Protein backbone atom coordinates (compact mmCIF):
# COMPACT_ATOMS: atom_id res chain seq x y z
CA MET A 1 0.01 -0.04 -0.01
CA ALA A 2 1.30 3.44 -0.97
CA PHE A 3 0.46 6.66 0.95
CA TYR A 4 1.57 10.31 0.58
CA LEU A 5 3.30 12.48 3.17
CA LYS A 6 4.61 15.99 3.57
CA CYS A 7 8.32 16.23 4.39
CA LYS A 8 9.56 17.85 7.48
CA ASN A 9 13.31 18.34 7.48
CA LEU A 10 14.85 17.82 10.97
CA ASP A 11 17.96 19.51 12.11
CA ILE A 12 19.11 16.14 13.67
CA SER A 13 21.74 13.62 12.56
CA THR A 14 21.55 9.89 13.06
CA GLY A 15 25.27 9.41 12.68
CA GLY A 16 24.96 7.84 9.25
CA LYS A 17 21.76 5.71 9.28
CA SER A 18 18.86 6.39 6.87
CA ILE A 19 15.98 6.82 9.34
CA ILE A 20 12.51 8.51 8.92
CA LEU A 21 10.16 9.56 11.65
CA LEU A 22 6.35 8.94 11.37
CA ASN A 23 3.58 10.07 13.71
CA GLU A 24 2.95 7.23 16.26
CA LYS A 25 -0.86 7.13 15.85
CA GLU A 26 -0.83 7.35 12.07
CA ALA A 27 1.72 4.71 11.76
CA GLY A 28 -0.45 2.38 13.75
CA TYR A 29 -3.32 2.81 11.23
CA TYR A 30 -0.95 1.90 8.36
CA GLY A 31 0.29 -1.14 10.35
CA MET A 32 3.81 0.18 10.56
CA ASN A 33 6.30 -0.44 13.49
CA PRO A 34 9.78 0.81 14.41
CA GLY A 35 12.26 -0.97 12.25
CA ASP A 36 10.04 -1.40 9.27
CA LYS A 37 11.70 -0.59 5.86
CA VAL A 38 9.90 2.07 3.76
CA THR A 39 10.71 3.25 0.25
CA LEU A 40 10.20 7.00 -0.35
CA SER A 41 9.70 8.22 -3.87
CA TRP A 42 9.44 11.78 -5.37
CA SER A 43 10.10 13.76 -8.47
CA LYS A 44 12.11 12.41 -11.40
CA LYS A 45 12.00 8.84 -10.05
CA LYS A 46 14.24 9.69 -7.05
CA LYS A 47 13.87 7.21 -4.15
CA ILE A 48 15.43 6.00 -0.93
CA VAL A 49 14.94 3.09 1.36
CA ALA A 50 14.88 4.19 5.09
CA THR A 51 14.03 2.69 8.47
CA VAL A 52 10.98 3.69 10.37
CA ASP A 53 11.02 5.23 13.82
CA LEU A 54 7.98 6.76 15.62
CA SER A 55 7.24 9.88 17.58
CA ALA A 56 4.12 11.15 19.31
CA LYS A 57 5.01 14.93 18.97
CA ALA A 58 7.84 15.58 16.64
CA VAL A 59 5.80 14.99 13.49
CA LYS A 60 2.00 15.42 12.85
CA PRO A 61 -0.22 13.08 11.06
CA GLY A 62 0.38 13.43 7.36
CA GLU A 63 4.11 14.39 7.79
CA VAL A 64 7.26 12.43 7.56
CA GLY A 65 10.33 13.58 9.46
CA LEU A 66 13.58 13.35 7.59
CA PHE A 67 16.88 13.27 9.45
CA GLU A 68 19.80 15.07 7.86
CA GLU A 69 21.28 11.88 6.39
CA VAL A 70 18.13 11.59 4.23
CA TRP A 71 17.22 15.11 3.14
CA ARG A 72 20.78 16.38 2.63
CA LYS A 73 21.93 13.26 0.72
CA LYS A 74 18.88 13.30 -1.53
CA GLU A 75 18.39 17.08 -1.58
CA ILE A 76 14.74 16.81 -0.52
CA GLU A 77 13.13 20.27 0.11
CA ASP A 78 11.26 20.88 3.31
CA GLY A 79 7.53 20.62 2.51
CA ALA A 80 8.09 18.29 -0.45
CA ILE A 81 5.43 15.50 -1.03
CA VAL A 82 6.72 11.93 -1.11
CA GLU A 83 5.12 8.60 -1.80
CA ALA A 84 5.79 5.91 1.02
CA VAL A 85 5.62 2.30 0.36
CA LEU A 86 6.13 -0.29 3.14
CA GLU A 87 8.78 -2.78 1.83
CA SER A 88 9.00 -5.49 4.35
CA ARG A 89 8.67 -6.43 8.08
CA PRO A 90 12.05 -6.49 9.96
CA LEU A 91 13.45 -9.87 10.68
CA SER A 92 13.05 -9.25 14.45
CA ILE A 93 9.28 -8.98 14.16
CA GLU A 94 9.04 -12.10 12.10
CA THR A 95 11.22 -13.92 14.61
CA LEU A 96 8.95 -12.72 17.45
CA LYS A 97 6.04 -14.35 15.59
CA LYS A 98 7.94 -17.63 15.31
CA LYS A 99 8.82 -17.62 19.00
CA MET A 100 5.27 -16.94 20.08
CA LEU A 101 4.23 -19.92 18.02
CA GLY A 102 6.79 -22.01 19.61
CA LYS A 103 8.95 -22.61 16.53
CA PRO A 104 12.74 -23.03 16.59
CA VAL A 105 14.93 -20.03 15.56
CA SER A 106 18.37 -19.54 14.14
CA TYR A 107 21.26 -17.37 15.59
CA GLU A 108 20.59 -14.78 12.73
CA GLU A 109 17.02 -14.48 13.83
CA ILE A 110 17.80 -14.36 17.59
CA TYR A 111 20.49 -11.70 16.87
CA SER A 112 17.97 -9.52 14.99
CA VAL A 113 15.65 -9.49 17.99
CA ILE A 114 18.38 -8.80 20.59
CA HIS A 115 19.99 -6.15 18.33
CA ASP A 116 16.70 -4.36 17.73
CA ILE A 117 15.87 -4.40 21.55
CA ALA A 118 19.28 -2.99 22.35
CA GLU A 119 18.93 -0.23 19.66
CA GLY A 120 15.49 0.62 20.76
CA ARG A 121 13.91 -0.44 17.51
CA LEU A 122 11.59 -2.76 19.30
CA GLY A 123 9.32 -0.96 21.87
CA GLU A 124 8.15 -2.11 25.28
CA VAL A 125 5.22 -4.07 23.86
CA GLU A 126 7.46 -6.05 21.38
CA THR A 127 10.08 -6.56 24.12
CA THR A 128 7.45 -7.87 26.56
CA TYR A 129 6.33 -10.35 23.84
CA TYR A 130 9.87 -11.52 23.53
CA ALA A 131 10.30 -11.85 27.36
CA MET A 132 7.17 -13.84 27.66
CA SER A 133 7.91 -16.02 24.67
CA SER A 134 10.08 -18.40 26.75
CA PHE A 135 6.88 -19.23 28.72
CA VAL A 136 5.18 -20.35 25.47
CA LYS A 137 8.01 -22.82 24.72
CA PRO A 138 11.29 -22.99 26.70
CA TYR A 139 14.45 -22.22 24.74
CA SER A 140 16.56 -25.20 23.67
CA ASP A 141 20.16 -25.25 24.91
CA GLN A 142 21.33 -24.10 21.60
CA GLU A 143 18.93 -21.20 21.60
CA LEU A 144 20.02 -20.18 25.03
CA TYR A 145 23.52 -20.05 23.65
CA TYR A 146 22.39 -17.94 20.75
CA VAL A 147 20.59 -15.49 23.11
CA ALA A 148 23.63 -15.08 25.44
CA LYS A 149 26.01 -14.69 22.43
CA ALA A 150 23.81 -12.15 20.85
CA MET A 151 23.46 -10.17 24.08
CA ALA A 152 27.23 -9.91 24.46
CA GLU A 153 27.87 -9.17 20.83
CA THR A 154 25.41 -6.13 20.79
CA GLY A 155 27.06 -4.28 23.55
CA GLU A 156 30.52 -3.14 24.69
CA LYS A 157 33.16 -5.75 25.58
CA PHE A 158 36.61 -5.65 26.89
CA ASN A 159 39.45 -8.10 26.52
CA LEU A 160 42.31 -7.81 29.00
CA LYS A 161 44.34 -10.36 26.94
CA VAL A 162 44.97 -12.30 30.21
CA LYS A 163 43.14 -15.07 31.91
CA VAL A 164 40.29 -13.61 33.97
CA VAL A 165 38.27 -15.17 36.82
CA ASP A 166 34.87 -14.14 38.30
CA LYS A 167 32.42 -15.08 40.99
CA HIS A 168 28.61 -14.46 40.82
CA SER A 169 25.70 -15.16 43.03
CA VAL A 170 22.17 -15.59 41.63
CA GLY A 171 20.91 -13.50 44.53
CA GLY A 172 17.94 -13.66 46.71
CA LEU A 173 19.72 -14.02 50.06
CA ALA A 174 19.94 -11.11 52.48
CA GLY A 175 23.49 -9.94 53.26
CA ASN A 176 25.69 -12.48 51.50
CA ARG A 177 28.10 -9.68 50.53
CA ILE A 178 31.09 -11.92 49.93
CA THR A 179 32.06 -10.59 46.48
CA PRO A 180 34.38 -7.69 47.74
CA ILE A 181 36.09 -10.23 50.03
CA VAL A 182 36.52 -12.77 47.29
CA VAL A 183 37.83 -10.14 44.87
CA ALA A 184 40.32 -8.97 47.47
CA ILE A 185 41.58 -12.39 48.19
CA VAL A 186 41.90 -13.58 44.62
CA ALA A 187 43.45 -10.27 43.34
CA SER A 188 45.96 -10.32 46.30
CA CYS A 189 47.23 -13.66 44.84
CA GLY A 190 47.91 -11.85 41.53
CA VAL A 191 44.95 -13.19 39.71
CA TYR A 192 42.83 -10.85 37.48
CA ILE A 193 39.31 -10.48 38.71
CA PRO A 194 37.56 -7.40 37.06
CA LYS A 195 34.15 -7.30 38.79
CA THR A 196 31.20 -5.43 37.30
CA SER A 197 28.28 -5.65 39.60
CA SER A 198 24.65 -4.49 39.75
CA ARG A 199 22.71 -2.13 42.06
CA ALA A 200 19.85 -3.39 44.00
CA ILE A 201 16.61 -3.91 42.15
CA THR A 202 14.25 -5.49 44.77
CA SER A 203 16.69 -5.87 47.60
CA PRO A 204 18.28 -3.59 50.32
CA ALA A 205 21.69 -3.60 48.58
CA GLY A 206 23.66 -4.69 45.52
CA THR A 207 27.43 -5.05 45.49
CA ALA A 208 27.69 -1.75 43.56
CA ASP A 209 25.58 0.02 46.33
CA VAL A 210 27.85 -1.39 49.04
CA MET A 211 31.10 -0.43 47.29
CA GLU A 212 29.77 3.07 46.66
CA VAL A 213 29.82 3.60 50.42
CA LEU A 214 33.63 3.17 50.19
CA CYS A 215 34.37 4.71 46.79
CA PRO A 216 32.98 5.72 43.36
CA VAL A 217 31.79 2.86 41.19
CA GLN A 218 30.78 4.44 37.92
CA PHE A 219 33.60 4.52 35.27
CA SER A 220 34.15 4.29 31.46
CA LEU A 221 35.84 1.26 29.99
CA PRO A 222 39.14 3.06 29.59
CA GLN A 223 39.03 4.13 33.13
CA ILE A 224 38.25 0.60 34.27
CA ARG A 225 41.27 -0.73 32.32
CA GLU A 226 43.52 1.82 34.17
CA ILE A 227 42.15 0.62 37.51
CA ILE A 228 42.73 -3.01 36.59
CA LYS A 229 46.24 -2.22 35.37
CA LYS A 230 47.02 -0.81 38.78
CA THR A 231 45.27 -3.44 40.97
CA LYS A 232 44.45 -6.56 38.78
CA ALA A 233 40.79 -5.99 39.89
CA CYS A 234 37.91 -3.53 40.06
CA LEU A 235 34.58 -3.39 41.77
CA VAL A 236 32.44 -1.13 39.57
CA TRP A 237 28.85 -0.70 38.52
CA GLY A 238 28.02 -2.64 35.38
CA GLY A 239 24.96 -0.47 34.63
CA GLY A 240 27.23 2.46 33.76
CA LEU A 241 28.64 0.47 30.87
CA HIS A 242 26.98 -0.59 27.60
CA MET A 243 27.40 -4.32 28.25
CA ALA A 244 24.52 -6.59 27.12
CA PRO A 245 22.26 -3.52 26.83
CA ALA A 246 19.24 -5.52 25.62
CA ASP A 247 19.26 -7.47 28.90
CA ASP A 248 18.65 -4.23 30.93
CA LYS A 249 15.65 -3.44 28.69
CA ILE A 250 14.20 -6.97 29.07
CA ILE A 251 14.55 -6.76 32.85
CA LYS A 252 12.62 -3.54 32.80
CA VAL A 253 9.61 -5.10 31.17
CA CYS A 254 9.69 -8.20 33.36
CA ARG A 255 9.90 -6.21 36.62
CA PRO A 256 6.23 -5.03 36.92
CA LEU A 257 4.93 -8.65 36.77
CA ALA A 258 7.80 -10.08 38.80
CA LEU A 259 8.22 -12.68 36.15
CA GLU A 260 11.64 -14.02 35.29
CA SER A 261 12.33 -17.54 34.13
CA PHE A 262 15.47 -19.19 35.39
CA ASP A 263 16.66 -19.39 31.79
CA LYS A 264 16.31 -15.67 31.50
CA MET A 265 18.48 -15.37 34.64
CA ILE A 266 21.14 -17.66 33.37
CA VAL A 267 21.49 -15.93 30.08
CA SER A 268 21.53 -12.51 31.72
CA ILE A 269 24.47 -13.52 33.81
CA LEU A 270 26.38 -15.44 31.24
CA ALA A 271 26.08 -12.68 28.60
CA LYS A 272 27.69 -10.22 30.81
CA LYS A 273 30.47 -12.62 31.77
CA VAL A 274 31.22 -13.19 28.11
CA ALA A 275 31.31 -9.45 27.55
CA THR A 276 33.78 -9.09 30.37
CA GLY A 277 36.04 -11.83 28.94
CA VAL A 278 35.72 -14.27 31.85
CA ASP A 279 37.57 -17.57 31.49
CA TYR A 280 36.86 -19.14 34.98
CA LEU A 281 33.62 -18.58 36.79
CA VAL A 282 32.21 -19.74 40.16
CA ILE A 283 28.51 -19.45 40.58
CA ASP A 284 26.89 -19.21 43.97
CA ILE A 285 23.31 -20.55 44.25
CA PRO A 286 21.75 -20.13 47.74
CA VAL A 287 18.73 -22.43 48.16
CA GLY A 288 15.96 -21.61 50.71
CA SER A 289 12.27 -21.25 51.08
CA THR A 290 12.35 -17.49 50.82
CA CYS A 291 15.30 -17.22 48.44
CA LYS A 292 15.17 -16.69 44.63
CA VAL A 293 15.78 -20.48 44.15
CA SER A 294 13.69 -22.26 46.77
CA HIS A 295 14.14 -25.92 45.71
CA MET A 296 17.28 -28.06 45.47
CA LYS A 297 16.05 -29.69 42.32
CA ASP A 298 15.71 -26.39 40.54
CA ALA A 299 19.20 -25.41 41.76
CA LYS A 300 20.79 -28.48 40.34
CA LYS A 301 19.02 -27.89 36.86
CA ILE A 302 20.21 -24.26 36.85
CA GLY A 303 23.81 -25.39 37.74
CA LYS A 304 23.92 -27.82 34.91
CA LYS A 305 22.86 -25.16 32.41
CA PHE A 306 25.48 -22.74 33.73
CA VAL A 307 28.20 -25.43 33.11
CA MET A 308 26.76 -26.30 29.71
CA LEU A 309 26.55 -22.75 28.42
CA GLY A 310 30.06 -21.91 29.91
CA LYS A 311 31.51 -24.79 27.80
CA LYS A 312 29.96 -23.40 24.60
CA PHE A 313 31.83 -20.11 25.36
CA GLY A 314 35.12 -21.80 26.39
CA MET A 315 34.38 -20.77 29.94
CA LYS A 316 35.12 -23.13 32.87
CA VAL A 317 32.26 -22.90 35.33
CA GLN A 318 31.94 -24.46 38.79
CA VAL A 319 28.65 -24.14 40.60
CA VAL A 320 28.36 -24.10 44.45
CA ILE A 321 24.87 -24.81 45.86
CA THR A 322 24.27 -24.06 49.60
CA ARG A 323 21.31 -24.39 51.90
CA ALA A 324 20.32 -20.91 53.00
CA ASN A 325 18.37 -20.78 56.21
CA GLU A 326 19.43 -17.27 57.25
CA PRO A 327 21.22 -14.15 56.01
CA VAL A 328 25.08 -14.30 55.60
CA GLY A 329 26.71 -11.63 57.72
CA ARG A 330 25.14 -9.31 60.30
CA GLY A 331 24.39 -6.23 58.34
CA ILE A 332 21.76 -5.82 55.60
CA GLY A 333 21.91 -2.46 53.84
CA PRO A 334 24.78 -0.75 51.92
CA ALA A 335 26.85 0.72 54.82
CA LEU A 336 25.98 -2.11 57.20
CA GLU A 337 27.19 -4.61 54.66
CA ALA A 338 30.27 -2.49 53.80
CA ARG A 339 31.12 -2.52 57.51
CA ASP A 340 30.86 -6.32 57.66
CA VAL A 341 33.15 -6.69 54.61
CA LEU A 342 35.89 -4.38 56.28
CA ARG A 343 35.40 -6.18 59.66
CA VAL A 344 36.29 -9.43 57.89
CA LEU A 345 39.32 -8.20 55.99
CA GLN A 346 40.59 -6.17 58.93
CA GLN A 347 39.92 -9.11 61.23
CA HIS A 348 37.84 -7.09 63.74
CA LYS A 349 36.74 -8.92 66.82
CA TYR A 350 33.11 -8.43 65.84
CA ARG A 351 33.48 -9.66 62.26
CA PRO A 352 30.78 -12.05 60.96
CA LEU A 353 32.43 -15.41 60.81
CA ASP A 354 29.81 -16.89 58.51
CA LEU A 355 30.59 -14.21 55.94
CA GLU A 356 34.35 -14.87 56.34
CA LEU A 357 33.92 -18.60 56.02
CA LYS A 358 31.71 -18.47 52.91
CA ALA A 359 34.06 -15.88 51.18
CA VAL A 360 37.10 -17.98 52.01
CA LYS A 361 35.40 -21.09 50.62
CA LEU A 362 34.41 -19.55 47.33
CA ALA A 363 37.74 -17.78 46.91
CA GLY A 364 39.49 -21.06 47.43
CA ILE A 365 37.44 -22.79 44.79
CA LEU A 366 38.10 -19.98 42.28
CA LEU A 367 41.88 -20.19 42.91
CA GLU A 368 41.65 -24.02 42.37
CA LEU A 369 39.45 -23.69 39.29
CA LYS A 370 42.03 -21.15 37.68
CA GLY A 371 44.81 -23.64 38.35
CA TYR A 372 46.48 -21.34 40.76
CA CYS A 373 46.90 -24.16 43.15
CA ARG A 374 46.14 -27.91 43.59
CA LYS A 375 42.63 -29.04 44.41
CA GLY A 376 42.04 -28.91 48.24
CA LYS A 377 44.69 -26.12 48.74
CA GLY A 378 42.73 -23.14 47.72
CA ARG A 379 40.79 -22.63 51.07
CA LYS A 380 43.96 -22.57 53.09
CA ILE A 381 45.58 -20.03 50.82
CA ALA A 382 42.47 -17.86 50.97
CA GLU A 383 42.47 -17.93 54.77
CA GLU A 384 46.12 -16.97 54.89
CA GLN A 385 45.57 -14.01 52.54
CA ILE A 386 43.02 -12.59 55.13
CA LYS A 387 45.08 -13.41 58.16
CA ASN A 388 48.32 -11.85 56.88
CA GLY A 389 46.52 -8.69 55.86
CA LYS A 390 47.29 -9.02 52.11
CA ALA A 391 43.50 -9.23 51.19
CA TRP A 392 42.84 -6.04 53.06
CA ASN A 393 45.71 -4.29 51.47
CA LYS A 394 44.44 -5.26 48.02
CA LEU A 395 40.85 -3.87 48.77
CA ASN A 396 42.49 -0.81 50.10
CA GLN A 397 44.41 -0.46 46.83
CA ILE A 398 41.22 -0.93 44.84
CA ILE A 399 39.33 1.60 46.86
CA VAL A 400 41.97 4.20 46.45
CA ALA A 401 42.39 3.41 42.68
CA GLN A 402 38.59 4.07 42.38
CA GLY A 403 38.84 7.46 44.17
CA GLY A 404 37.98 6.36 47.72
CA LYS A 405 39.63 7.15 51.06
CA LYS A 406 42.88 5.36 51.99
CA ASP A 407 42.98 3.18 55.02
CA ILE A 408 39.33 3.59 55.93
CA ASN A 409 38.50 1.81 59.20
CA SER A 410 35.47 -0.52 59.42
CA GLU A 411 34.03 1.41 62.42
CA GLU A 412 33.94 4.73 60.59
CA VAL A 413 31.86 3.44 57.71
CA MET A 414 28.45 3.51 59.47
CA GLN A 415 26.79 6.78 60.33
CA GLU A 416 24.12 6.21 62.91
CA ILE A 417 21.36 8.77 62.95
CA GLN A 418 18.11 6.98 63.93
CA ARG A 419 17.93 3.57 65.36
CA TYR A 420 15.28 1.12 66.94
CA GLU A 421 15.66 -2.19 68.52
CA ILE A 422 13.20 -5.12 67.98
CA HIS A 423 13.02 -7.67 70.88
CA ALA A 424 11.60 -11.18 71.19
CA LYS A 425 7.98 -11.33 72.20
CA LYS A 426 8.39 -14.77 73.69
CA SER A 427 11.00 -17.28 74.67
CA GLY A 428 11.93 -20.20 72.40
CA ALA A 429 14.10 -21.20 69.46
CA ILE A 430 14.39 -19.43 66.16
CA TYR A 431 13.06 -22.07 63.64
CA SER A 432 12.95 -19.89 60.53
CA ILE A 433 14.12 -16.53 59.18
CA ASN A 434 12.25 -14.82 56.37
CA ASN A 435 14.53 -13.20 53.72
CA ARG A 436 11.63 -11.42 52.07
CA ALA A 437 10.57 -9.88 55.26
CA ILE A 438 14.09 -8.67 55.87
CA ASN A 439 14.09 -7.02 52.35
CA GLU A 440 10.76 -5.36 53.04
CA VAL A 441 11.70 -3.92 56.37
CA CYS A 442 15.07 -2.66 55.03
CA MET A 443 13.46 -1.05 52.03
CA ASN A 444 10.92 0.68 54.09
CA LEU A 445 13.79 2.10 56.11
CA GLY A 446 15.08 3.67 52.94
CA ALA A 447 17.71 1.16 51.61
CA PRO A 448 19.37 1.18 49.22
CA LEU A 449 18.88 4.86 48.35
CA ASP A 450 19.75 5.79 51.95
CA LYS A 451 23.03 4.07 52.28
CA TYR A 452 22.92 4.17 55.99
CA SER A 453 19.51 2.37 56.31
CA GLY A 454 19.11 -1.29 57.02
CA ILE A 455 19.18 -3.71 59.86
CA HIS A 456 21.88 -5.41 62.02
CA THR A 457 20.89 -8.92 63.22
CA HIS A 458 21.90 -10.16 66.66
CA VAL A 459 20.64 -13.83 66.53
CA ASN A 460 21.04 -16.76 64.22
CA PHE A 461 18.88 -19.56 62.90
CA GLY A 462 18.41 -22.27 65.70
CA ASP A 463 19.42 -19.93 68.53
CA LYS A 464 17.42 -20.07 71.81
CA VAL A 465 16.21 -16.76 72.85
CA LYS A 466 14.52 -15.34 75.89
CA LYS A 467 11.46 -13.00 75.88
CA GLY A 468 12.72 -9.44 75.66
CA GLN A 469 16.11 -10.45 74.02
CA LYS A 470 17.37 -8.19 71.23
CA LEU A 471 16.62 -9.69 67.77
CA PHE A 472 17.75 -6.91 65.44
CA THR A 473 18.44 -3.20 65.29
CA MET A 474 17.01 -0.93 62.55
CA TYR A 475 19.01 2.10 61.27
CA THR A 476 18.01 5.03 59.07
CA SER A 477 18.87 8.58 58.37
CA ASN A 478 15.30 9.70 58.44
CA GLU A 479 12.82 9.75 61.39
CA GLU A 480 9.90 9.36 59.15
CA ARG A 481 11.59 6.42 57.46
CA LEU A 482 12.14 4.88 60.88
CA LYS A 483 8.32 4.97 61.52
CA LEU A 484 7.72 3.25 58.23
CA GLY A 485 10.42 0.60 59.12
CA ILE A 486 8.74 -0.04 62.48
CA LEU A 487 5.44 -0.52 60.78
CA ALA A 488 6.90 -2.92 58.25
CA ALA A 489 8.68 -4.87 61.06
CA ASN A 490 5.38 -5.26 62.90
CA GLN A 491 3.65 -6.46 59.70
CA ASN A 492 6.48 -8.74 58.45
CA ILE A 493 7.93 -11.14 60.98
CA ILE A 494 11.60 -11.81 60.33
CA PHE A 495 12.49 -14.25 63.14
CA HIS A 496 9.95 -16.94 63.85
CA ILE A 497 10.20 -18.36 67.32
CA LYS A 498 8.58 -21.48 68.82
């Protein structure tokens, strides 16, 4: 079908691409979508094939907006009348149709979808269809590989030209801030471990939020390379980079429905590891009734897929599955977790031993996986790096390289403004701890935006407590937030006693 439009020459460049702008509502009537190919024709048989983009306000119905690359190249006058003919649907749209029908797809087809999501050529509606297509029919192992590869290929990557290791937790467990400790231990052994981490999405703190208490975390790729050159490591925010950009857009459309398949989670993690050039990877999967992964059977399936996909990328992956009945560490919230990390590395008398033991275990496994030492020797080496102060010296070096304060003491990290203690209402034993309730209380207190909000726990799973005994202390910078935290604590029981 052909239709006629009046040209509106825009004083905007696309950087070389031939793109036209149509009115959003009018394009809908013509059945046109972002990414469609259209041929524009005008006097003396002149024509150009361009890609469609949409706008609600920049052009009116009956107009076509021409970017500089189109009107300058073809010398089209502002106000000229052109004939527009829809040529073909983009491959990404046709691929979405195939996925929604449960049909197998090739790498070229998957790449077209991921590329168009990353470039913004598929809107939120189309991206949602893609995200939900895995619920119509799960991806095959080969298709999962295609998706992870396409996600990595459509964003920034950096190759250090050395063997690189990494550790990643699938999340869902309060506290569990072992990453900075593992990075410090491993890097202090001379092994490269550039760590890009996320901020919290639905939890009181992400690794990036915790590190931001100690130093800046947002850098460009050239800046990150300089940090790694100095320290063999980094602890930076991955969202500040353009790595696997389609993944962030897919996460955005999944969040309102709180729907994310395990396959989506696996691909998201692996794509970013491929982009970072990881060769050896340890995956931490906590399993518990209120964790992201609640059943051991699911954890084993997830673990096998991580190993399988790792092999396809030439990456050696080892999965560590642990029962998670309670938080790891005492603090939950950016500053409280940062204090725990420093207490472990500085060997403070009040350091959380569970956090230290888990970090030492995973760091040891990573050193063995890399081939730094023989199997069974990694844990002892990791322990020694903490005891002799080398791991703390390394984290201190990283903090300074990222613009933080030198020799910061664990006890100066936390700035207490408002606090409130919660006590046991009866005597008995703690038989369960609710991670989701912890998250809700901490976020009502203001975490992660308020870096000094969160809770510090005083008891553990299985402990016997007496009526009136202190269970946890809430912290926040804001009196009004404290009221909300108290209300949330009354509505969401964290420690169940019987």
